[in-house]
Full PDB file with SEQRES, HELIX, SHEET, SSBOND, CRYST1, ORIGX, SCALE, CONECT and MASTER records, all heavy atoms in Angstrom:
SEQRES   1 A   30  SER THR ALA VAL TYR ALA GLN GLU LYS THR VAL THR GLY          
SEQRES   2 A   30  ILE VAL LYS ASP LEU LYS THR GLY ASN PRO LEU PRO SER          
SEQRES   3 A   30  VAL THR VAL SER                                              
HELIX    1 AA1 THR A    2  TYR A    5  1                                   4    
CRYST1    1.000    1.000    1.000  90.00  90.00  90.00 P 1           1          
ORIGX1      1.000000  0.000000  0.000000        0.00000                         
ORIGX2      0.000000  1.000000  0.000000        0.00000                         
ORIGX3      0.000000  0.000000  1.000000        0.00000                         
SCALE1      1.000000  0.000000  0.000000        0.00000                         
SCALE2      0.000000  1.000000  0.000000        0.00000                         
SCALE3      0.000000  0.000000  1.000000        0.00000                         
ATOM      1  N   SER A   1       0.760  -1.242   0.053  1.00  0.00           N  
ATOM      2  CA  SER A   1      -0.022   0.005  -0.007  1.00  0.00           C  
ATOM      3  C   SER A   1       0.866   1.230  -0.005  1.00  0.00           C  
ATOM      4  O   SER A   1       0.496   2.239  -0.629  1.00  0.00           O  
ATOM      5  CB  SER A   1      -0.943   0.041   1.189  1.00  0.00           C  
ATOM      6  OG  SER A   1      -0.200   0.033   2.367  1.00  0.00           O  
ATOM      7  N   THR A   2       1.994   1.319   0.615  1.00  0.00           N  
ATOM      8  CA  THR A   2       2.883   2.412   0.626  1.00  0.00           C  
ATOM      9  C   THR A   2       3.555   2.605  -0.681  1.00  0.00           C  
ATOM     10  O   THR A   2       3.738   3.708  -1.150  1.00  0.00           O  
ATOM     11  CB  THR A   2       3.982   2.390   1.730  1.00  0.00           C  
ATOM     12  OG1 THR A   2       4.746   1.132   1.680  1.00  0.00           O  
ATOM     13  CG2 THR A   2       3.332   2.454   3.081  1.00  0.00           C  
ATOM     14  N   ALA A   3       3.735   1.457  -1.437  1.00  0.00           N  
ATOM     15  CA  ALA A   3       4.326   1.676  -2.717  1.00  0.00           C  
ATOM     16  C   ALA A   3       3.358   2.219  -3.681  1.00  0.00           C  
ATOM     17  O   ALA A   3       3.747   2.958  -4.681  1.00  0.00           O  
ATOM     18  CB  ALA A   3       4.747   0.213  -3.302  1.00  0.00           C  
ATOM     19  N   VAL A   4       2.065   2.035  -3.476  1.00  0.00           N  
ATOM     20  CA  VAL A   4       1.012   2.706  -4.402  1.00  0.00           C  
ATOM     21  C   VAL A   4       1.076   4.272  -4.289  1.00  0.00           C  
ATOM     22  O   VAL A   4       0.979   4.979  -5.213  1.00  0.00           O  
ATOM     23  CB  VAL A   4      -0.455   2.163  -3.983  1.00  0.00           C  
ATOM     24  CG1 VAL A   4      -1.477   2.975  -4.803  1.00  0.00           C  
ATOM     25  CG2 VAL A   4      -0.468   0.653  -4.504  1.00  0.00           C  
ATOM     26  N   TYR A   5       1.290   4.693  -3.021  1.00  0.00           N  
ATOM     27  CA  TYR A   5       1.252   6.139  -2.693  1.00  0.00           C  
ATOM     28  C   TYR A   5       2.539   6.758  -3.286  1.00  0.00           C  
ATOM     29  O   TYR A   5       2.573   8.033  -3.619  1.00  0.00           O  
ATOM     30  CB  TYR A   5       1.039   6.492  -1.245  1.00  0.00           C  
ATOM     31  CG  TYR A   5      -0.362   6.058  -0.805  1.00  0.00           C  
ATOM     32  CD1 TYR A   5      -0.481   5.068   0.061  1.00  0.00           C  
ATOM     33  CD2 TYR A   5      -1.484   6.851  -1.227  1.00  0.00           C  
ATOM     34  CE1 TYR A   5      -1.809   4.739   0.516  1.00  0.00           C  
ATOM     35  CE2 TYR A   5      -2.667   6.501  -0.807  1.00  0.00           C  
ATOM     36  CZ  TYR A   5      -2.812   5.470   0.125  1.00  0.00           C  
ATOM     37  OH  TYR A   5      -4.179   5.214   0.471  1.00  0.00           O  
ATOM     38  N   ALA A   6       3.599   6.099  -3.293  1.00  0.00           N  
ATOM     39  CA  ALA A   6       4.939   6.784  -3.663  1.00  0.00           C  
ATOM     40  C   ALA A   6       5.450   6.238  -5.023  1.00  0.00           C  
ATOM     41  O   ALA A   6       6.596   6.040  -5.223  1.00  0.00           O  
ATOM     42  CB  ALA A   6       5.926   6.436  -2.530  1.00  0.00           C  
ATOM     43  N   GLN A   7       4.516   6.126  -6.010  1.00  0.00           N  
ATOM     44  CA  GLN A   7       4.969   5.574  -7.298  1.00  0.00           C  
ATOM     45  C   GLN A   7       5.564   6.822  -8.106  1.00  0.00           C  
ATOM     46  O   GLN A   7       5.029   7.725  -8.345  1.00  0.00           O  
ATOM     47  CB  GLN A   7       3.726   5.168  -8.058  1.00  0.00           C  
ATOM     48  CG  GLN A   7       3.135   3.838  -7.620  1.00  0.00           C  
ATOM     49  CD  GLN A   7       2.018   3.331  -8.568  1.00  0.00           C  
ATOM     50  OE1 GLN A   7       1.438   4.241  -9.261  1.00  0.00           O  
ATOM     51  NE2 GLN A   7       1.711   2.129  -8.393  1.00  0.00           N  
ATOM     52  N   GLU A   8       6.987   6.530  -8.315  1.00  0.00           N  
ATOM     53  CA  GLU A   8       7.728   7.539  -8.974  1.00  0.00           C  
ATOM     54  C   GLU A   8       7.557   7.255 -10.497  1.00  0.00           C  
ATOM     55  O   GLU A   8       7.361   6.113 -10.911  1.00  0.00           O  
ATOM     56  CB  GLU A   8       9.234   7.370  -8.681  1.00  0.00           C  
ATOM     57  CG  GLU A   8       9.529   7.765  -7.269  1.00  0.00           C  
ATOM     58  CD  GLU A   8      11.122   7.706  -6.933  1.00  0.00           C  
ATOM     59  OE1 GLU A   8      11.792   7.082  -7.673  1.00  0.00           O  
ATOM     60  OE2 GLU A   8      11.454   8.308  -6.008  1.00  0.00           O  
ATOM     61  N   LYS A   9       7.598   8.280 -11.241  1.00  0.00           N  
ATOM     62  CA  LYS A   9       7.483   8.176 -12.647  1.00  0.00           C  
ATOM     63  C   LYS A   9       8.299   9.303 -13.277  1.00  0.00           C  
ATOM     64  O   LYS A   9       8.684  10.371 -12.644  1.00  0.00           O  
ATOM     65  CB  LYS A   9       6.054   8.392 -13.114  1.00  0.00           C  
ATOM     66  CG  LYS A   9       5.426   9.666 -12.834  1.00  0.00           C  
ATOM     67  CD  LYS A   9       4.017   9.770 -13.245  1.00  0.00           C  
ATOM     68  CE  LYS A   9       3.369  11.113 -12.941  1.00  0.00           C  
ATOM     69  NZ  LYS A   9       2.016  11.222 -13.430  1.00  0.00           N  
ATOM     70  N   THR A  10       8.680   9.060 -14.500  1.00  0.00           N  
ATOM     71  CA  THR A  10       9.572  10.021 -15.260  1.00  0.00           C  
ATOM     72  C   THR A  10       8.637  10.989 -15.917  1.00  0.00           C  
ATOM     73  O   THR A  10       7.790  10.606 -16.815  1.00  0.00           O  
ATOM     74  CB  THR A  10      10.475   9.405 -16.214  1.00  0.00           C  
ATOM     75  OG1 THR A  10      11.314   8.385 -15.585  1.00  0.00           O  
ATOM     76  CG2 THR A  10      11.332  10.300 -16.996  1.00  0.00           C  
ATOM     77  N   VAL A  11       8.781  12.270 -15.594  1.00  0.00           N  
ATOM     78  CA  VAL A  11       8.029  13.356 -16.258  1.00  0.00           C  
ATOM     79  C   VAL A  11       8.926  14.036 -17.290  1.00  0.00           C  
ATOM     80  O   VAL A  11      10.101  14.416 -16.904  1.00  0.00           O  
ATOM     81  CB  VAL A  11       7.445  14.322 -15.259  1.00  0.00           C  
ATOM     82  CG1 VAL A  11       6.669  15.449 -15.939  1.00  0.00           C  
ATOM     83  CG2 VAL A  11       6.554  13.663 -14.228  1.00  0.00           C  
ATOM     84  N   THR A  12       8.587  14.212 -18.451  1.00  0.00           N  
ATOM     85  CA  THR A  12       9.333  14.957 -19.623  1.00  0.00           C  
ATOM     86  C   THR A  12       8.549  16.098 -20.005  1.00  0.00           C  
ATOM     87  O   THR A  12       7.368  16.286 -19.714  1.00  0.00           O  
ATOM     88  CB  THR A  12       9.625  13.863 -20.746  1.00  0.00           C  
ATOM     89  OG1 THR A  12       8.444  13.500 -21.255  1.00  0.00           O  
ATOM     90  CG2 THR A  12      10.481  12.685 -20.260  1.00  0.00           C  
ATOM     91  N   GLY A  13       9.199  16.935 -20.742  1.00  0.00           N  
ATOM     92  CA  GLY A  13       8.478  18.107 -21.355  1.00  0.00           C  
ATOM     93  C   GLY A  13       9.441  19.039 -21.916  1.00  0.00           C  
ATOM     94  O   GLY A  13      10.638  18.706 -22.173  1.00  0.00           O  
ATOM     95  N   ILE A  14       8.870  20.137 -22.330  1.00  0.00           N  
ATOM     96  CA  ILE A  14       9.677  21.232 -23.011  1.00  0.00           C  
ATOM     97  C   ILE A  14       9.334  22.564 -22.368  1.00  0.00           C  
ATOM     98  O   ILE A  14       8.223  22.780 -22.092  1.00  0.00           O  
ATOM     99  CB  ILE A  14       9.462  21.197 -24.534  1.00  0.00           C  
ATOM    100  CG1 ILE A  14      10.376  22.122 -25.271  1.00  0.00           C  
ATOM    101  CG2 ILE A  14       7.952  21.564 -24.842  1.00  0.00           C  
ATOM    102  CD1 ILE A  14      10.476  21.904 -26.772  1.00  0.00           C  
ATOM    103  N   VAL A  15      10.273  23.461 -22.317  1.00  0.00           N  
ATOM    104  CA  VAL A  15      10.115  24.840 -21.756  1.00  0.00           C  
ATOM    105  C   VAL A  15      10.334  25.878 -22.903  1.00  0.00           C  
ATOM    106  O   VAL A  15      11.353  25.758 -23.535  1.00  0.00           O  
ATOM    107  CB  VAL A  15      10.951  25.071 -20.562  1.00  0.00           C  
ATOM    108  CG1 VAL A  15      10.741  26.524 -19.961  1.00  0.00           C  
ATOM    109  CG2 VAL A  15      10.816  24.099 -19.453  1.00  0.00           C  
ATOM    110  N   LYS A  16       9.439  26.689 -23.063  1.00  0.00           N  
ATOM    111  CA  LYS A  16       9.478  27.574 -24.202  1.00  0.00           C  
ATOM    112  C   LYS A  16       9.319  29.062 -23.672  1.00  0.00           C  
ATOM    113  O   LYS A  16       8.688  29.338 -22.624  1.00  0.00           O  
ATOM    114  CB  LYS A  16       8.458  27.452 -25.315  1.00  0.00           C  
ATOM    115  CG  LYS A  16       8.575  26.107 -25.925  1.00  0.00           C  
ATOM    116  CD  LYS A  16       7.499  25.936 -27.070  1.00  0.00           C  
ATOM    117  CE  LYS A  16       7.681  24.507 -27.715  1.00  0.00           C  
ATOM    118  NZ  LYS A  16       6.732  24.386 -28.827  1.00  0.00           N  
ATOM    119  N   ASP A  17       9.740  30.032 -24.420  1.00  0.00           N  
ATOM    120  CA  ASP A  17       9.445  31.420 -24.158  1.00  0.00           C  
ATOM    121  C   ASP A  17       8.035  31.716 -24.693  1.00  0.00           C  
ATOM    122  O   ASP A  17       7.690  31.310 -25.894  1.00  0.00           O  
ATOM    123  CB  ASP A  17      10.484  32.405 -24.971  1.00  0.00           C  
ATOM    124  CG  ASP A  17      10.224  33.865 -24.632  1.00  0.00           C  
ATOM    125  OD1 ASP A  17       9.345  34.449 -25.199  1.00  0.00           O  
ATOM    126  OD2 ASP A  17      11.034  34.447 -23.930  1.00  0.00           O  
ATOM    127  N   LEU A  18       7.218  32.357 -23.874  1.00  0.00           N  
ATOM    128  CA  LEU A  18       5.852  32.640 -24.225  1.00  0.00           C  
ATOM    129  C   LEU A  18       5.700  33.492 -25.508  1.00  0.00           C  
ATOM    130  O   LEU A  18       4.901  33.239 -26.388  1.00  0.00           O  
ATOM    131  CB  LEU A  18       5.110  33.138 -23.095  1.00  0.00           C  
ATOM    132  CG  LEU A  18       3.579  33.458 -23.315  1.00  0.00           C  
ATOM    133  CD1 LEU A  18       2.737  32.245 -23.665  1.00  0.00           C  
ATOM    134  CD2 LEU A  18       2.951  34.254 -22.219  1.00  0.00           C  
ATOM    135  N   LYS A  19       6.530  34.528 -25.477  1.00  0.00           N  
ATOM    136  CA  LYS A  19       6.391  35.550 -26.566  1.00  0.00           C  
ATOM    137  C   LYS A  19       6.864  35.022 -27.885  1.00  0.00           C  
ATOM    138  O   LYS A  19       6.228  35.141 -28.972  1.00  0.00           O  
ATOM    139  CB  LYS A  19       7.167  36.771 -26.200  1.00  0.00           C  
ATOM    140  CG  LYS A  19       6.852  37.997 -26.963  1.00  0.00           C  
ATOM    141  CD  LYS A  19       7.477  39.224 -26.389  1.00  0.00           C  
ATOM    142  CE  LYS A  19       7.091  40.475 -27.186  1.00  0.00           C  
ATOM    143  NZ  LYS A  19       7.606  41.683 -26.587  1.00  0.00           N  
ATOM    144  N   THR A  20       8.013  34.376 -27.888  1.00  0.00           N  
ATOM    145  CA  THR A  20       8.690  34.037 -29.085  1.00  0.00           C  
ATOM    146  C   THR A  20       8.421  32.642 -29.584  1.00  0.00           C  
ATOM    147  O   THR A  20       8.489  32.138 -30.778  1.00  0.00           O  
ATOM    148  CB  THR A  20      10.192  34.085 -29.116  1.00  0.00           C  
ATOM    149  OG1 THR A  20      10.712  33.236 -28.103  1.00  0.00           O  
ATOM    150  CG2 THR A  20      10.617  35.537 -28.772  1.00  0.00           C  
ATOM    151  N   GLY A  21       8.077  31.732 -28.545  1.00  0.00           N  
ATOM    152  CA  GLY A  21       7.838  30.273 -28.768  1.00  0.00           C  
ATOM    153  C   GLY A  21       9.232  29.506 -28.925  1.00  0.00           C  
ATOM    154  O   GLY A  21       9.154  28.338 -29.189  1.00  0.00           O  
ATOM    155  N   ASN A  22      10.251  30.176 -28.674  1.00  0.00           N  
ATOM    156  CA  ASN A  22      11.611  29.505 -28.831  1.00  0.00           C  
ATOM    157  C   ASN A  22      11.842  28.623 -27.625  1.00  0.00           C  
ATOM    158  O   ASN A  22      11.465  29.053 -26.480  1.00  0.00           O  
ATOM    159  CB  ASN A  22      12.715  30.498 -29.003  1.00  0.00           C  
ATOM    160  CG  ASN A  22      12.642  31.332 -30.282  1.00  0.00           C  
ATOM    161  OD1 ASN A  22      12.136  30.771 -31.245  1.00  0.00           O  
ATOM    162  ND2 ASN A  22      13.192  32.435 -30.321  1.00  0.00           N  
ATOM    163  N   PRO A  23      12.451  27.450 -27.694  1.00  0.00           N  
ATOM    164  CA  PRO A  23      12.779  26.646 -26.616  1.00  0.00           C  
ATOM    165  C   PRO A  23      13.831  27.473 -25.665  1.00  0.00           C  
ATOM    166  O   PRO A  23      14.681  28.121 -26.129  1.00  0.00           O  
ATOM    167  CB  PRO A  23      13.448  25.383 -27.167  1.00  0.00           C  
ATOM    168  CG  PRO A  23      13.792  25.765 -28.522  1.00  0.00           C  
ATOM    169  CD  PRO A  23      12.950  26.827 -28.939  1.00  0.00           C  
ATOM    170  N   LEU A  24      13.813  27.202 -24.348  1.00  0.00           N  
ATOM    171  CA  LEU A  24      14.621  27.840 -23.420  1.00  0.00           C  
ATOM    172  C   LEU A  24      15.566  26.884 -22.658  1.00  0.00           C  
ATOM    173  O   LEU A  24      15.142  25.923 -22.097  1.00  0.00           O  
ATOM    174  CB  LEU A  24      13.819  28.542 -22.239  1.00  0.00           C  
ATOM    175  CG  LEU A  24      12.939  29.649 -22.669  1.00  0.00           C  
ATOM    176  CD1 LEU A  24      12.136  30.149 -21.484  1.00  0.00           C  
ATOM    177  CD2 LEU A  24      13.964  30.840 -23.079  1.00  0.00           C  
ATOM    178  N   PRO A  25      16.880  26.896 -23.078  1.00  0.00           N  
ATOM    179  CA  PRO A  25      17.868  25.975 -22.453  1.00  0.00           C  
ATOM    180  C   PRO A  25      18.211  26.611 -21.006  1.00  0.00           C  
ATOM    181  O   PRO A  25      17.952  27.754 -20.748  1.00  0.00           O  
ATOM    182  CB  PRO A  25      19.037  26.081 -23.360  1.00  0.00           C  
ATOM    183  CG  PRO A  25      18.896  27.460 -24.049  1.00  0.00           C  
ATOM    184  CD  PRO A  25      17.508  27.756 -24.117  1.00  0.00           C  
ATOM    185  N   SER A  26      18.764  25.643 -20.253  1.00  0.00           N  
ATOM    186  CA  SER A  26      19.355  26.022 -18.829  1.00  0.00           C  
ATOM    187  C   SER A  26      18.183  26.500 -17.878  1.00  0.00           C  
ATOM    188  O   SER A  26      18.586  27.177 -16.883  1.00  0.00           O  
ATOM    189  CB  SER A  26      20.308  27.195 -18.939  1.00  0.00           C  
ATOM    190  OG  SER A  26      21.442  26.672 -19.812  1.00  0.00           O  
ATOM    191  N   VAL A  27      17.022  26.040 -18.086  1.00  0.00           N  
ATOM    192  CA  VAL A  27      16.007  26.312 -17.052  1.00  0.00           C  
ATOM    193  C   VAL A  27      16.105  25.240 -16.057  1.00  0.00           C  
ATOM    194  O   VAL A  27      16.207  24.096 -16.254  1.00  0.00           O  
ATOM    195  CB  VAL A  27      14.502  26.216 -17.737  1.00  0.00           C  
ATOM    196  CG1 VAL A  27      13.445  26.349 -16.698  1.00  0.00           C  
ATOM    197  CG2 VAL A  27      14.403  27.385 -18.772  1.00  0.00           C  
ATOM    198  N   THR A  28      16.034  25.623 -14.692  1.00  0.00           N  
ATOM    199  CA  THR A  28      16.149  24.767 -13.632  1.00  0.00           C  
ATOM    200  C   THR A  28      14.791  24.248 -13.382  1.00  0.00           C  
ATOM    201  O   THR A  28      13.830  24.946 -13.141  1.00  0.00           O  
ATOM    202  CB  THR A  28      16.685  25.374 -12.412  1.00  0.00           C  
ATOM    203  OG1 THR A  28      18.031  25.956 -12.650  1.00  0.00           O  
ATOM    204  CG2 THR A  28      16.752  24.335 -11.236  1.00  0.00           C  
ATOM    205  N   VAL A  29      14.600  22.941 -13.312  1.00  0.00           N  
ATOM    206  CA  VAL A  29      13.239  22.260 -12.973  1.00  0.00           C  
ATOM    207  C   VAL A  29      13.572  21.447 -11.654  1.00  0.00           C  
ATOM    208  O   VAL A  29      14.409  20.646 -11.576  1.00  0.00           O  
ATOM    209  CB  VAL A  29      12.906  21.273 -14.045  1.00  0.00           C  
ATOM    210  CG1 VAL A  29      11.597  20.605 -13.789  1.00  0.00           C  
ATOM    211  CG2 VAL A  29      12.806  21.883 -15.446  1.00  0.00           C  
ATOM    212  N   SER A  30      12.760  21.923 -10.518  1.00  0.00           N  
ATOM    213  CA  SER A  30      12.992  21.251  -9.345  1.00  0.00           C  
ATOM    214  C   SER A  30      11.689  20.910  -8.671  1.00  0.00           C  
ATOM    215  O   SER A  30      10.649  21.595  -8.909  1.00  0.00           O  
ATOM    216  CB  SER A  30      13.933  22.191  -8.417  1.00  0.00           C  
ATOM    217  OG  SER A  30      13.161  23.395  -8.298  1.00  0.00           O  
TER     218      SER A  30                                                      
MASTER        0    0    0    1    0    0    0    6  217    1    0    3          
END                                                                             
């Protein structure tokens, strides 16, 4: 039951500039 609550998963994605739509490198995700 504790394993069900703490299921880790890999989350992926992309970060962009809202105005230009260009991808943003070096953004810290924490």
